[in-house]
């Protein structure tokens, strides 16, 4: 890939390197050599170095004592921490959804449940099912309309995407996730805040445990 020099070369390099890490094209403990990527992107080493500093601040890479930069490996404690944060933040989202959701918002969630159930019944591709799962989460964030909280969740979801791509998806996991979502929607309709939070906590803990069981450390 050739990085086109538009507004900020550093930002473009940062986004591309992050994508490569999240998509698993650059593996944990793999070194990122400035000269190699400068040649690959056809740019100088300076924006590569600056982009790596940004990625280090976000915890994607680390500088080694013997020199060079390496993609950080994944630890079980990392996964635990990320899920604890997401459980807390989504608890805030669900309370706001229940307090502010209108009939049209509830209908949006119900339609998503119907579309997801139809796709699962038709043995749709996992990729399409999980796309609807992501849309379900995005709909909750949209209804809550808490921009800062949503931004924080979006940032930590980058880490979760990375974890999920390293794990092997289970055939029956989508059924379990769908049932969790459906129960959460019912709790929202009943305006049961604590029940919705509890259901979502269990849902996310299942996801966490699945990844921890299947990921290669």
Foldseek 3Di string as FASTA:
>chain_A
DAQDDDDDSLVSLLVVVLVCLLLCVAPFFRFDDLVVVCVVRVHDSVSVVVSVVVCVVLPQWDADPVGTIGGHDDDLVLLVVLLVLLLVLVLLLLLLLLVQPDPVLLVVLVVLLVVLVVCVVVVHDPVVNVVSVVVNVVSSCVSSVPVVSVVVNVSSVSVVSSLVSQFDDDPCLSVVLSVLSVVLSVCSVVSPSVSNSVSVSVSSVVVSVRSVVGGDD
